[in-house]
Amino acid sequence: MNIASELHSDFCRIDNRIKACKALNEDTDYQLISMLNDQLCVTIVGRLEQNIKKIFSGYASRHSNRKLERSISRLCQQFQNPNPDKITELVKLFDSDFGNQLSVDWKDEASDGNKIKQMVSIRIKIAHQTTNNSSLTIAKIEAYFRAYKNVVTLLQQHFLPQ
């Protein structure tokens, strides 16, 4: 299976989870809904991290020799908590102009980069249990999911065009 197909399958799996959560009725315990929203946030950030690694490993595989490919693979394995600064830093290693453009585009408060930043921050709070009450709603999860899809698709189309 190629990377574009894997990404599409990944998007569909998360989208189906979101639809299942939206289908819960108003009688569902709010703590359960909160927990499901937290889990979706953690899942989306995890998939963002893994898919960025997959894209750059695929790029290295296509465009470099084995020694460089292994080095890039090791670099990607260290990539965690993919906030916009870390993403643009990684992108700049492969295409500085594109990375600089992302930095500019993501300065806007309504940008995908800002949504990614919020989502990663919430994921860290959830993982380290530094908050007892999550304010995540399904609407926020959907916005984070769209940002995740947009960023991954943008990187995939730029670095691994079909």
Protein backbone atom coordinates (compact mmCIF):
# COMPACT_ATOMS: atom_id res chain seq x y z
CA MET A 1 0.00 0.00 0.00
CA ASN A 2 1.39 3.43 -0.86
CA ILE A 3 1.59 6.29 1.62
CA ALA A 4 -1.33 8.23 0.12
CA SER A 5 -3.59 5.18 0.55
CA GLU A 6 -2.37 4.62 4.10
CA LEU A 7 -3.08 8.25 4.96
CA HIS A 8 -6.55 8.05 3.46
CA SER A 9 -7.31 4.92 5.49
CA ASP A 10 -6.03 6.65 8.61
CA PHE A 11 -8.25 9.68 7.96
CA CYS A 12 -11.28 7.40 7.49
CA ARG A 13 -10.62 5.52 10.76
CA ILE A 14 -10.47 8.73 12.78
CA ASP A 15 -13.44 10.23 10.94
CA ASN A 16 -15.51 7.14 11.80
CA ARG A 17 -14.57 7.48 15.48
CA ILE A 18 -15.65 11.13 15.43
CA LYS A 19 -18.96 10.19 13.80
CA ALA A 20 -19.54 7.52 16.46
CA CYS A 21 -18.95 10.08 19.22
CA LYS A 22 -21.28 12.57 17.54
CA ALA A 23 -23.97 9.89 17.38
CA LEU A 24 -24.08 9.56 21.17
CA ASN A 25 -27.33 10.92 22.54
CA GLU A 26 -27.71 13.64 25.14
CA ASP A 27 -28.36 11.05 27.86
CA THR A 28 -24.76 9.85 27.60
CA ASP A 29 -22.74 10.68 30.71
CA TYR A 30 -20.75 13.87 30.16
CA GLN A 31 -17.67 12.27 31.75
CA LEU A 32 -17.74 9.50 29.15
CA ILE A 33 -18.06 12.06 26.35
CA SER A 34 -15.18 14.06 27.84
CA MET A 35 -13.04 10.95 28.05
CA LEU A 36 -13.84 10.04 24.43
CA ASN A 37 -12.97 13.55 23.26
CA ASP A 38 -9.68 13.39 25.17
CA GLN A 39 -8.93 10.04 23.57
CA LEU A 40 -9.67 11.44 20.11
CA CYS A 41 -7.33 14.36 20.72
CA VAL A 42 -4.52 12.03 21.80
CA THR A 43 -5.19 9.80 18.78
CA ILE A 44 -5.09 12.69 16.31
CA VAL A 45 -1.82 14.05 17.70
CA GLY A 46 -0.32 10.55 17.68
CA ARG A 47 -1.35 9.99 14.08
CA LEU A 48 -0.02 13.43 13.11
CA GLU A 49 3.34 12.54 14.62
CA GLN A 50 3.48 9.10 13.01
CA ASN A 51 2.32 10.27 9.60
CA ILE A 52 4.86 13.10 9.48
CA LYS A 53 7.56 10.54 10.27
CA LYS A 54 6.18 8.28 7.54
CA ILE A 55 6.22 11.10 4.97
CA PHE A 56 9.81 12.10 5.65
CA SER A 57 11.01 8.52 5.82
CA GLY A 58 9.30 7.91 2.48
CA TYR A 59 10.89 11.05 1.06
CA ALA A 60 14.33 9.91 2.26
CA SER A 61 13.74 6.50 0.75
CA ARG A 62 12.92 8.06 -2.64
CA HIS A 63 15.61 10.73 -2.73
CA SER A 64 18.71 9.59 -0.88
CA ASN A 65 21.20 6.80 -0.47
CA ARG A 66 20.85 4.14 2.23
CA LYS A 67 23.24 5.80 4.69
CA LEU A 68 21.40 9.12 4.53
CA GLU A 69 18.06 7.31 4.64
CA ARG A 70 19.05 5.63 7.94
CA SER A 71 20.14 8.98 9.40
CA ILE A 72 16.85 10.59 8.41
CA SER A 73 14.95 7.66 9.87
CA ARG A 74 16.77 8.12 13.20
CA LEU A 75 16.03 11.86 13.09
CA CYS A 76 12.34 11.15 12.49
CA GLN A 77 12.19 8.70 15.40
CA GLN A 78 13.16 11.56 17.73
CA PHE A 79 10.30 13.71 16.44
CA GLN A 80 7.61 13.98 19.15
CA ASN A 81 4.81 16.36 20.15
CA PRO A 82 4.54 17.84 16.65
CA ASN A 83 3.85 21.48 17.40
CA PRO A 84 4.09 23.92 14.46
CA ASP A 85 7.62 25.05 15.36
CA LYS A 86 8.89 21.47 15.37
CA ILE A 87 7.07 20.70 12.12
CA THR A 88 8.48 23.75 10.32
CA GLU A 89 11.95 23.04 11.73
CA LEU A 90 11.79 19.52 10.29
CA VAL A 91 10.36 20.74 6.98
CA LYS A 92 13.15 23.32 6.64
CA LEU A 93 15.72 20.51 6.78
CA PHE A 94 14.28 19.23 3.50
CA ASP A 95 12.93 22.40 1.85
CA SER A 96 13.76 25.69 3.57
CA ASP A 97 11.52 27.82 1.32
CA PHE A 98 8.51 25.62 2.00
CA GLY A 99 9.28 25.59 5.73
CA ASN A 100 9.55 29.38 5.79
CA GLN A 101 6.23 29.68 3.95
CA LEU A 102 4.57 27.38 6.49
CA SER A 103 5.93 29.53 9.32
CA VAL A 104 4.38 32.61 7.74
CA ASP A 105 1.08 30.88 6.96
CA TRP A 106 0.78 29.51 10.49
CA LYS A 107 1.16 32.87 12.25
CA ASP A 108 -2.56 33.56 11.75
CA GLU A 109 -4.67 32.65 14.78
CA ALA A 110 -7.20 30.78 12.61
CA SER A 111 -4.48 28.75 10.85
CA ASP A 112 -4.05 24.99 10.87
CA GLY A 113 -0.74 25.55 12.62
CA ASN A 114 -2.47 27.30 15.52
CA LYS A 115 -5.00 24.47 15.82
CA ILE A 116 -2.14 21.96 15.83
CA LYS A 117 -0.43 23.97 18.58
CA GLN A 118 -3.61 23.95 20.71
CA MET A 119 -4.16 20.26 20.11
CA VAL A 120 -0.60 19.27 21.06
CA SER A 121 -0.81 21.41 24.20
CA ILE A 122 -4.03 19.67 25.24
CA ARG A 123 -2.54 16.25 24.44
CA ILE A 124 0.41 16.97 26.73
CA LYS A 125 -1.95 18.04 29.54
CA ILE A 126 -4.03 14.88 29.06
CA ALA A 127 -0.98 12.60 28.95
CA HIS A 128 0.60 14.15 32.04
CA GLN A 129 -2.74 14.50 33.81
CA THR A 130 -2.12 18.14 34.64
CA THR A 131 -5.81 18.92 34.29
CA ASN A 132 -8.86 17.27 35.81
CA ASN A 133 -11.40 18.69 33.43
CA SER A 134 -11.08 18.79 29.70
CA SER A 135 -12.89 21.49 27.80
CA LEU A 136 -12.74 19.54 24.57
CA THR A 137 -15.94 19.48 22.59
CA ILE A 138 -16.69 17.45 19.50
CA ALA A 139 -16.63 20.72 17.52
CA LYS A 140 -13.04 21.35 18.65
CA ILE A 141 -12.12 17.75 17.83
CA GLU A 142 -13.55 18.20 14.33
CA ALA A 143 -11.53 21.43 13.88
CA TYR A 144 -8.38 19.66 15.07
CA PHE A 145 -9.10 16.74 12.75
CA ARG A 146 -9.47 19.09 9.75
CA ALA A 147 -6.18 20.80 10.65
CA TYR A 148 -4.48 17.41 11.02
CA LYS A 149 -5.78 16.27 7.63
CA ASN A 150 -4.78 19.54 5.96
CA VAL A 151 -1.24 19.49 7.35
CA VAL A 152 -0.58 15.84 6.58
CA THR A 153 -2.06 16.17 3.09
CA LEU A 154 -0.03 19.32 2.41
CA LEU A 155 3.21 17.63 3.48
CA GLN A 156 2.42 14.46 1.58
CA GLN A 157 1.60 16.35 -1.63
CA HIS A 158 4.71 18.49 -1.33
CA PHE A 159 7.23 15.77 -0.45
CA LEU A 160 5.65 12.65 -1.95
CA PRO A 161 3.55 13.72 -4.92
CA GLN A 162 1.88 10.90 -6.80
